[in-house]
Amino acid sequence: TTTTALQSLTLLNNDFMLKQADRMAERVVSDVGSAVDQQVARAFQLAFARQPDAEEQVAAERIVRRHGLAACCRFLLNANEFVHID
């Protein structure tokens, strides 16, 4: 199951979703502080109710360091795993 291109663009660029990503990032920092590895783990827990695997952890930490925590939260909220329930 996947989103359509239009759904993905809406989730990626919609003002509501951008604000939700910012709010999620604020919550993550409030919960765990400034340690990037812990931020990534908490963001995955909030979005997917699971911890990231090793590859996801490294990739997400890279995104946080390059683009900020809100960008990482934004991609989690746009992921198929968040959008679709199995």
PDB file of N, CA and C in Angstrom:
ATOM      1  N   THR A   1       0.844  -1.175   0.000  1.00  0.00           N
ATOM      2  CA  THR A   1       0.000   0.000   0.000  1.00  0.00           C
ATOM      3  C   THR A   1       0.884   1.231   0.000  1.00  0.00           C
ATOM      4  N   THR A   2       0.549   2.185  -0.800  1.00  0.00           N
ATOM      5  CA  THR A   2       1.339   3.404  -0.891  1.00  0.00           C
ATOM      6  C   THR A   2       0.432   4.597  -1.148  1.00  0.00           C
ATOM      7  N   THR A   3       0.964   5.767  -0.938  1.00  0.00           N
ATOM      8  CA  THR A   3       0.212   6.975  -1.235  1.00  0.00           C
ATOM      9  C   THR A   3       0.394   7.332  -2.704  1.00  0.00           C
ATOM     10  N   THR A   4      -0.533   8.102  -3.227  1.00  0.00           N
ATOM     11  CA  THR A   4      -0.383   8.599  -4.587  1.00  0.00           C
ATOM     12  C   THR A   4       0.563   9.797  -4.554  1.00  0.00           C
ATOM     13  N   ALA A   5       1.032  10.212  -5.714  1.00  0.00           N
ATOM     14  CA  ALA A   5       1.933  11.372  -5.785  1.00  0.00           C
ATOM     15  C   ALA A   5       1.261  12.617  -5.206  1.00  0.00           C
ATOM     16  N   LEU A   6      -0.003  12.812  -5.500  1.00  0.00           N
ATOM     17  CA  LEU A   6      -0.724  13.974  -4.986  1.00  0.00           C
ATOM     18  C   LEU A   6      -0.842  13.933  -3.463  1.00  0.00           C
ATOM     19  N   GLN A   7      -1.127  12.752  -2.915  1.00  0.00           N
ATOM     20  CA  GLN A   7      -1.201  12.620  -1.459  1.00  0.00           C
ATOM     21  C   GLN A   7       0.152  12.922  -0.817  1.00  0.00           C
ATOM     22  N   SER A   8       1.211  12.396  -1.399  1.00  0.00           N
ATOM     23  CA  SER A   8       2.554  12.634  -0.857  1.00  0.00           C
ATOM     24  C   SER A   8       2.914  14.108  -0.892  1.00  0.00           C
ATOM     25  N   LEU A   9       2.640  14.772  -1.989  1.00  0.00           N
ATOM     26  CA  LEU A   9       2.939  16.204  -2.091  1.00  0.00           C
ATOM     27  C   LEU A   9       2.125  17.010  -1.091  1.00  0.00           C
ATOM     28  N   THR A  10       0.884  16.635  -0.900  1.00  0.00           N
ATOM     29  CA  THR A  10       0.044  17.330   0.073  1.00  0.00           C
ATOM     30  C   THR A  10       0.594  17.137   1.477  1.00  0.00           C
ATOM     31  N   LEU A  11       0.932  15.915   1.825  1.00  0.00           N
ATOM     32  CA  LEU A  11       1.484  15.655   3.153  1.00  0.00           C
ATOM     33  C   LEU A  11       2.820  16.352   3.348  1.00  0.00           C
ATOM     34  N   LEU A  12       3.598  16.462   2.286  1.00  0.00           N
ATOM     35  CA  LEU A  12       4.928  17.052   2.381  1.00  0.00           C
ATOM     36  C   LEU A  12       4.889  18.566   2.479  1.00  0.00           C
ATOM     37  N   ASN A  13       3.947  19.204   1.815  1.00  0.00           N
ATOM     38  CA  ASN A  13       3.961  20.660   1.680  1.00  0.00           C
ATOM     39  C   ASN A  13       2.802  21.397   2.336  1.00  0.00           C
ATOM     40  N   ASN A  14       1.844  20.694   2.863  1.00  0.00           N
ATOM     41  CA  ASN A  14       0.674  21.319   3.458  1.00  0.00           C
ATOM     42  C   ASN A  14       1.058  22.075   4.735  1.00  0.00           C
ATOM     43  N   ASP A  15       0.526  23.288   4.901  1.00  0.00           N
ATOM     44  CA  ASP A  15       0.840  24.095   6.086  1.00  0.00           C
ATOM     45  C   ASP A  15       0.514  23.357   7.382  1.00  0.00           C
ATOM     46  N   PHE A  16      -0.611  22.658   7.413  1.00  0.00           N
ATOM     47  CA  PHE A  16      -0.977  21.908   8.609  1.00  0.00           C
ATOM     48  C   PHE A  16       0.087  20.865   8.945  1.00  0.00           C
ATOM     49  N   MET A  17       0.543  20.126   7.939  1.00  0.00           N
ATOM     50  CA  MET A  17       1.550  19.089   8.173  1.00  0.00           C
ATOM     51  C   MET A  17       2.892  19.691   8.572  1.00  0.00           C
ATOM     52  N   LEU A  18       3.242  20.838   8.003  1.00  0.00           N
ATOM     53  CA  LEU A  18       4.482  21.506   8.397  1.00  0.00           C
ATOM     54  C   LEU A  18       4.422  21.917   9.864  1.00  0.00           C
ATOM     55  N   LYS A  19       3.277  22.434  10.290  1.00  0.00           N
ATOM     56  CA  LYS A  19       3.106  22.812  11.694  1.00  0.00           C
ATOM     57  C   LYS A  19       3.140  21.584  12.596  1.00  0.00           C
ATOM     58  N   GLN A  20       2.558  20.480  12.151  1.00  0.00           N
ATOM     59  CA  GLN A  20       2.575  19.260  12.952  1.00  0.00           C
ATOM     60  C   GLN A  20       3.996  18.728  13.105  1.00  0.00           C
ATOM     61  N   ALA A  21       4.781  18.799  12.046  1.00  0.00           N
ATOM     62  CA  ALA A  21       6.183  18.373  12.126  1.00  0.00           C
ATOM     63  C   ALA A  21       6.947  19.251  13.114  1.00  0.00           C
ATOM     64  N   ASP A  22       6.709  20.558  13.075  1.00  0.00           N
ATOM     65  CA  ASP A  22       7.353  21.464  14.033  1.00  0.00           C
ATOM     66  C   ASP A  22       6.936  21.123  15.462  1.00  0.00           C
ATOM     67  N   ARG A  23       5.661  20.884  15.662  1.00  0.00           N
ATOM     68  CA  ARG A  23       5.171  20.555  17.000  1.00  0.00           C
ATOM     69  C   ARG A  23       5.721  19.205  17.485  1.00  0.00           C
ATOM     70  N   MET A  24       5.811  18.264  16.575  1.00  0.00           N
ATOM     71  CA  MET A  24       6.379  16.971  16.939  1.00  0.00           C
ATOM     72  C   MET A  24       7.841  17.140  17.355  1.00  0.00           C
ATOM     73  N   ALA A  25       8.584  17.940  16.608  1.00  0.00           N
ATOM     74  CA  ALA A  25       9.989  18.197  16.943  1.00  0.00           C
ATOM     75  C   ALA A  25      10.103  18.863  18.314  1.00  0.00           C
ATOM     76  N   GLU A  26       9.226  19.816  18.592  1.00  0.00           N
ATOM     77  CA  GLU A  26       9.229  20.465  19.908  1.00  0.00           C
ATOM     78  C   GLU A  26       8.969  19.446  21.017  1.00  0.00           C
ATOM     79  N   ARG A  27       8.033  18.543  20.782  1.00  0.00           N
ATOM     80  CA  ARG A  27       7.728  17.522  21.790  1.00  0.00           C
ATOM     81  C   ARG A  27       8.912  16.596  21.998  1.00  0.00           C
ATOM     82  N   VAL A  28       9.538  16.193  20.912  1.00  0.00           N
ATOM     83  CA  VAL A  28      10.689  15.298  21.014  1.00  0.00           C
ATOM     84  C   VAL A  28      11.792  15.948  21.848  1.00  0.00           C
ATOM     85  N   VAL A  29      12.106  17.215  21.573  1.00  0.00           N
ATOM     86  CA  VAL A  29      13.130  17.923  22.339  1.00  0.00           C
ATOM     87  C   VAL A  29      12.714  18.028  23.799  1.00  0.00           C
ATOM     88  N   SER A  30      11.448  18.299  24.045  1.00  0.00           N
ATOM     89  CA  SER A  30      10.942  18.376  25.413  1.00  0.00           C
ATOM     90  C   SER A  30      11.075  17.038  26.132  1.00  0.00           C
ATOM     91  N   ASP A  31      10.853  15.950  25.405  1.00  0.00           N
ATOM     92  CA  ASP A  31      10.908  14.609  25.990  1.00  0.00           C
ATOM     93  C   ASP A  31      12.330  14.128  26.270  1.00  0.00           C
ATOM     94  N   VAL A  32      13.267  14.383  25.319  1.00  0.00           N
ATOM     95  CA  VAL A  32      14.596  13.761  25.436  1.00  0.00           C
ATOM     96  C   VAL A  32      15.770  14.728  25.404  1.00  0.00           C
ATOM     97  N   GLY A  33      15.536  15.985  25.115  1.00  0.00           N
ATOM     98  CA  GLY A  33      16.645  16.926  25.083  1.00  0.00           C
ATOM     99  C   GLY A  33      17.320  17.005  23.720  1.00  0.00           C
ATOM    100  N   SER A  34      18.614  17.336  23.726  1.00  0.00           N
ATOM    101  CA  SER A  34      19.302  17.673  22.483  1.00  0.00           C
ATOM    102  C   SER A  34      20.157  16.562  21.887  1.00  0.00           C
ATOM    103  N   ALA A  35      20.198  15.393  22.488  1.00  0.00           N
ATOM    104  CA  ALA A  35      20.984  14.283  21.938  1.00  0.00           C
ATOM    105  C   ALA A  35      20.290  13.738  20.693  1.00  0.00           C
ATOM    106  N   VAL A  36      20.966  13.857  19.551  1.00  0.00           N
ATOM    107  CA  VAL A  36      20.352  13.502  18.265  1.00  0.00           C
ATOM    108  C   VAL A  36      19.919  12.042  18.225  1.00  0.00           C
ATOM    109  N   ASP A  37      20.737  11.144  18.750  1.00  0.00           N
ATOM    110  CA  ASP A  37      20.354   9.724  18.701  1.00  0.00           C
ATOM    111  C   ASP A  37      19.066   9.467  19.479  1.00  0.00           C
ATOM    112  N   GLN A  38      18.915  10.123  20.615  1.00  0.00           N
ATOM    113  CA  GLN A  38      17.702   9.961  21.412  1.00  0.00           C
ATOM    114  C   GLN A  38      16.511  10.661  20.749  1.00  0.00           C
ATOM    115  N   GLN A  39      16.754  11.779  20.093  1.00  0.00           N
ATOM    116  CA  GLN A  39      15.683  12.468  19.369  1.00  0.00           C
ATOM    117  C   GLN A  39      15.116  11.568  18.281  1.00  0.00           C
ATOM    118  N   VAL A  40      15.997  10.945  17.522  1.00  0.00           N
ATOM    119  CA  VAL A  40      15.555  10.055  16.436  1.00  0.00           C
ATOM    120  C   VAL A  40      14.752   8.886  17.002  1.00  0.00           C
ATOM    121  N   ALA A  41      15.258   8.267  18.050  1.00  0.00           N
ATOM    122  CA  ALA A  41      14.549   7.136  18.650  1.00  0.00           C
ATOM    123  C   ALA A  41      13.171   7.555  19.147  1.00  0.00           C
ATOM    124  N   ARG A  42      13.077   8.720  19.775  1.00  0.00           N
ATOM    125  CA  ARG A  42      11.780   9.192  20.291  1.00  0.00           C
ATOM    126  C   ARG A  42      10.826   9.534  19.153  1.00  0.00           C
ATOM    127  N   ALA A  43      11.330  10.159  18.106  1.00  0.00           N
ATOM    128  CA  ALA A  43      10.478  10.508  16.962  1.00  0.00           C
ATOM    129  C   ALA A  43       9.898   9.253  16.319  1.00  0.00           C
ATOM    130  N   PHE A  44      10.721   8.214  16.159  1.00  0.00           N
ATOM    131  CA  PHE A  44      10.214   6.953  15.610  1.00  0.00           C
ATOM    132  C   PHE A  44       9.173   6.347  16.538  1.00  0.00           C
ATOM    133  N   GLN A  45       9.413   6.422  17.825  1.00  0.00           N
ATOM    134  CA  GLN A  45       8.464   5.871  18.785  1.00  0.00           C
ATOM    135  C   GLN A  45       7.116   6.591  18.685  1.00  0.00           C
ATOM    136  N   LEU A  46       7.160   7.906  18.575  1.00  0.00           N
ATOM    137  CA  LEU A  46       5.910   8.672  18.459  1.00  0.00           C
ATOM    138  C   LEU A  46       5.191   8.392  17.145  1.00  0.00           C
ATOM    139  N   ALA A  47       5.936   8.299  16.061  1.00  0.00           N
ATOM    140  CA  ALA A  47       5.316   8.136  14.741  1.00  0.00           C
ATOM    141  C   ALA A  47       4.863   6.699  14.480  1.00  0.00           C
ATOM    142  N   PHE A  48       5.711   5.736  14.840  1.00  0.00           N
ATOM    143  CA  PHE A  48       5.468   4.352  14.426  1.00  0.00           C
ATOM    144  C   PHE A  48       5.280   3.378  15.588  1.00  0.00           C
ATOM    145  N   ALA A  49       5.400   3.851  16.818  1.00  0.00           N
ATOM    146  CA  ALA A  49       5.304   2.994  18.006  1.00  0.00           C
ATOM    147  C   ALA A  49       6.342   1.874  17.971  1.00  0.00           C
ATOM    148  N   ARG A  50       7.530   2.230  17.486  1.00  0.00           N
ATOM    149  CA  ARG A  50       8.648   1.275  17.460  1.00  0.00           C
ATOM    150  C   ARG A  50       9.954   2.055  17.402  1.00  0.00           C
ATOM    151  N   GLN A  51      11.039   1.360  17.685  1.00  0.00           N
ATOM    152  CA  GLN A  51      12.359   1.956  17.559  1.00  0.00           C
ATOM    153  C   GLN A  51      12.856   1.807  16.121  1.00  0.00           C
ATOM    154  N   PRO A  52      13.707   2.712  15.663  1.00  0.00           N
ATOM    155  CA  PRO A  52      14.266   2.567  14.311  1.00  0.00           C
ATOM    156  C   PRO A  52      15.279   1.433  14.282  1.00  0.00           C
ATOM    157  N   ASP A  53      15.394   0.776  13.125  1.00  0.00           N
ATOM    158  CA  ASP A  53      16.475  -0.193  12.992  1.00  0.00           C
ATOM    159  C   ASP A  53      17.775   0.588  12.773  1.00  0.00           C
ATOM    160  N   ALA A  54      18.891  -0.100  12.727  1.00  0.00           N
ATOM    161  CA  ALA A  54      20.198   0.567  12.660  1.00  0.00           C
ATOM    162  C   ALA A  54      20.328   1.470  11.432  1.00  0.00           C
ATOM    163  N   GLU A  55      19.874   0.988  10.302  1.00  0.00           N
ATOM    164  CA  GLU A  55      19.954   1.774   9.063  1.00  0.00           C
ATOM    165  C   GLU A  55      19.074   3.019   9.143  1.00  0.00           C
ATOM    166  N   GLU A  56      17.875   2.869   9.654  1.00  0.00           N
ATOM    167  CA  GLU A  56      16.972   4.010   9.824  1.00  0.00           C
ATOM    168  C   GLU A  56      17.552   5.028  10.804  1.00  0.00           C
ATOM    169  N   GLN A  57      18.158   4.535  11.867  1.00  0.00           N
ATOM    170  CA  GLN A  57      18.750   5.416  12.873  1.00  0.00           C
ATOM    171  C   GLN A  57      19.835   6.294  12.238  1.00  0.00           C
ATOM    172  N   VAL A  58      20.736   5.673  11.499  1.00  0.00           N
ATOM    173  CA  VAL A  58      21.831   6.421  10.862  1.00  0.00           C
ATOM    174  C   VAL A  58      21.289   7.432   9.864  1.00  0.00           C
ATOM    175  N   ALA A  59      20.355   7.010   9.021  1.00  0.00           N
ATOM    176  CA  ALA A  59      19.798   7.909   8.013  1.00  0.00           C
ATOM    177  C   ALA A  59      19.054   9.075   8.654  1.00  0.00           C
ATOM    178  N   ALA A  60      18.269   8.790   9.678  1.00  0.00           N
ATOM    179  CA  ALA A  60      17.504   9.850  10.339  1.00  0.00           C
ATOM    180  C   ALA A  60      18.428  10.820  11.083  1.00  0.00           C
ATOM    181  N   GLU A  61      19.470  10.305  11.723  1.00  0.00           N
ATOM    182  CA  GLU A  61      20.432  11.189  12.387  1.00  0.00           C
ATOM    183  C   GLU A  61      21.093  12.118  11.373  1.00  0.00           C
ATOM    184  N   ARG A  62      21.404  11.600  10.208  1.00  0.00           N
ATOM    185  CA  ARG A  62      21.996  12.418   9.141  1.00  0.00           C
ATOM    186  C   ARG A  62      21.034  13.546   8.737  1.00  0.00           C
ATOM    187  N   ILE A  63      19.765  13.217   8.617  1.00  0.00           N
ATOM    188  CA  ILE A  63      18.776  14.242   8.259  1.00  0.00           C
ATOM    189  C   ILE A  63      18.683  15.301   9.354  1.00  0.00           C
ATOM    190  N   VAL A  64      18.647  14.873  10.608  1.00  0.00           N
ATOM    191  CA  VAL A  64      18.557  15.831  11.719  1.00  0.00           C
ATOM    192  C   VAL A  64      19.765  16.763  11.705  1.00  0.00           C
ATOM    193  N   ARG A  65      20.956  16.221  11.517  1.00  0.00           N
ATOM    194  CA  ARG A  65      22.166  17.049  11.532  1.00  0.00           C
ATOM    195  C   ARG A  65      22.231  18.008  10.350  1.00  0.00           C
ATOM    196  N   ARG A  66      21.736  17.586   9.203  1.00  0.00           N
ATOM    197  CA  ARG A  66      21.805  18.425   7.998  1.00  0.00           C
ATOM    198  C   ARG A  66      20.647  19.407   7.876  1.00  0.00           C
ATOM    199  N   HIS A  67      19.440  18.967   8.267  1.00  0.00           N
ATOM    200  CA  HIS A  67      18.244  19.763   7.974  1.00  0.00           C
ATOM    201  C   HIS A  67      17.410  20.108   9.200  1.00  0.00           C
ATOM    202  N   GLY A  68      17.739  19.520  10.349  1.00  0.00           N
ATOM    203  CA  GLY A  68      17.000  19.805  11.568  1.00  0.00           C
ATOM    204  C   GLY A  68      15.997  18.719  11.918  1.00  0.00           C
ATOM    205  N   LEU A  69      15.604  18.726  13.175  1.00  0.00           N
ATOM    206  CA  LEU A  69      14.684  17.714  13.680  1.00  0.00           C
ATOM    207  C   LEU A  69      13.308  17.815  13.038  1.00  0.00           C
ATOM    208  N   ALA A  70      12.839  19.030  12.775  1.00  0.00           N
ATOM    209  CA  ALA A  70      11.511  19.178  12.157  1.00  0.00           C
ATOM    210  C   ALA A  70      11.468  18.510  10.788  1.00  0.00           C
ATOM    211  N   ALA A  71      12.556  18.567  10.036  1.00  0.00           N
ATOM    212  CA  ALA A  71      12.607  17.903   8.730  1.00  0.00           C
ATOM    213  C   ALA A  71      12.517  16.392   8.887  1.00  0.00           C
ATOM    214  N   CYS A  72      13.174  15.863   9.902  1.00  0.00           N
ATOM    215  CA  CYS A  72      13.094  14.429  10.174  1.00  0.00           C
ATOM    216  C   CYS A  72      11.653  14.048  10.534  1.00  0.00           C
ATOM    217  N   CYS A  73      11.037  14.827  11.396  1.00  0.00           N
ATOM    218  CA  CYS A  73       9.642  14.564  11.773  1.00  0.00           C
ATOM    219  C   CYS A  73       8.730  14.647  10.557  1.00  0.00           C
ATOM    220  N   ARG A  74       9.022  15.582   9.696  1.00  0.00           N
ATOM    221  CA  ARG A  74       8.225  15.746   8.471  1.00  0.00           C
ATOM    222  C   ARG A  74       8.288  14.493   7.609  1.00  0.00           C
ATOM    223  N   PHE A  75       9.484  13.919   7.437  1.00  0.00           N
ATOM    224  CA  PHE A  75       9.561  12.712   6.615  1.00  0.00           C
ATOM    225  C   PHE A  75       8.900  11.527   7.311  1.00  0.00           C
ATOM    226  N   LEU A  76       8.952  11.470   8.634  1.00  0.00           N
ATOM    227  CA  LEU A  76       8.264  10.384   9.336  1.00  0.00           C
ATOM    228  C   LEU A  76       6.755  10.486   9.153  1.00  0.00           C
ATOM    229  N   LEU A  77       6.225  11.705   9.237  1.00  0.00           N
ATOM    230  CA  LEU A  77       4.785  11.903   9.069  1.00  0.00           C
ATOM    231  C   LEU A  77       4.324  11.659   7.629  1.00  0.00           C
ATOM    232  N   ASN A  78       5.262  11.677   6.693  1.00  0.00           N
ATOM    233  CA  ASN A  78       4.938  11.447   5.290  1.00  0.00           C
ATOM    234  C   ASN A  78       5.203  10.000   4.865  1.00  0.00           C
ATOM    235  N   ALA A  79       5.734   9.193   5.749  1.00  0.00           N
ATOM    236  CA  ALA A  79       6.076   7.806   5.416  1.00  0.00           C
ATOM    237  C   ALA A  79       4.826   6.940   5.281  1.00  0.00           C
ATOM    238  N   ASN A  80       4.894   5.967   4.392  1.00  0.00           N
ATOM    239  CA  ASN A  80       3.779   5.030   4.227  1.00  0.00           C
ATOM    240  C   ASN A  80       3.428   4.356   5.538  1.00  0.00           C
ATOM    241  N   GLU A  81       4.428   4.044   6.341  1.00  0.00           N
ATOM    242  CA  GLU A  81       4.193   3.373   7.619  1.00  0.00           C
ATOM    243  C   GLU A  81       3.325   4.221   8.551  1.00  0.00           C
ATOM    244  N   PHE A  82       3.432   5.533   8.457  1.00  0.00           N
ATOM    245  CA  PHE A  82       2.595   6.421   9.276  1.00  0.00           C
ATOM    246  C   PHE A  82       1.209   6.586   8.665  1.00  0.00           C
ATOM    247  N   VAL A  83       1.147   6.673   7.348  1.00  0.00           N
ATOM    248  CA  VAL A  83      -0.097   6.994   6.660  1.00  0.00           C
ATOM    249  C   VAL A  83      -1.044   5.803   6.598  1.00  0.00           C
ATOM    250  N   HIS A  84      -0.514   4.591   6.479  1.00  0.00           N
ATOM    251  CA  HIS A  84      -1.338   3.391   6.314  1.00  0.00           C
ATOM    252  C   HIS A  84      -1.210   2.480   7.514  1.00  0.00           C
ATOM    253  N   ILE A  85      -2.315   1.931   7.948  1.00  0.00           N
ATOM    254  CA  ILE A  85      -2.333   0.969   9.051  1.00  0.00           C
ATOM    255  C   ILE A  85      -2.435  -0.426   8.480  1.00  0.00           C
ATOM    256  N   ASP A  86      -1.532  -1.296   8.926  1.00  0.00           N
ATOM    257  CA  ASP A  86      -1.593  -2.702   8.483  1.00  0.00           C
ATOM    258  C   ASP A  86      -2.553  -3.484   9.327  1.00  0.00           C
TER     259      ASP A  86
END
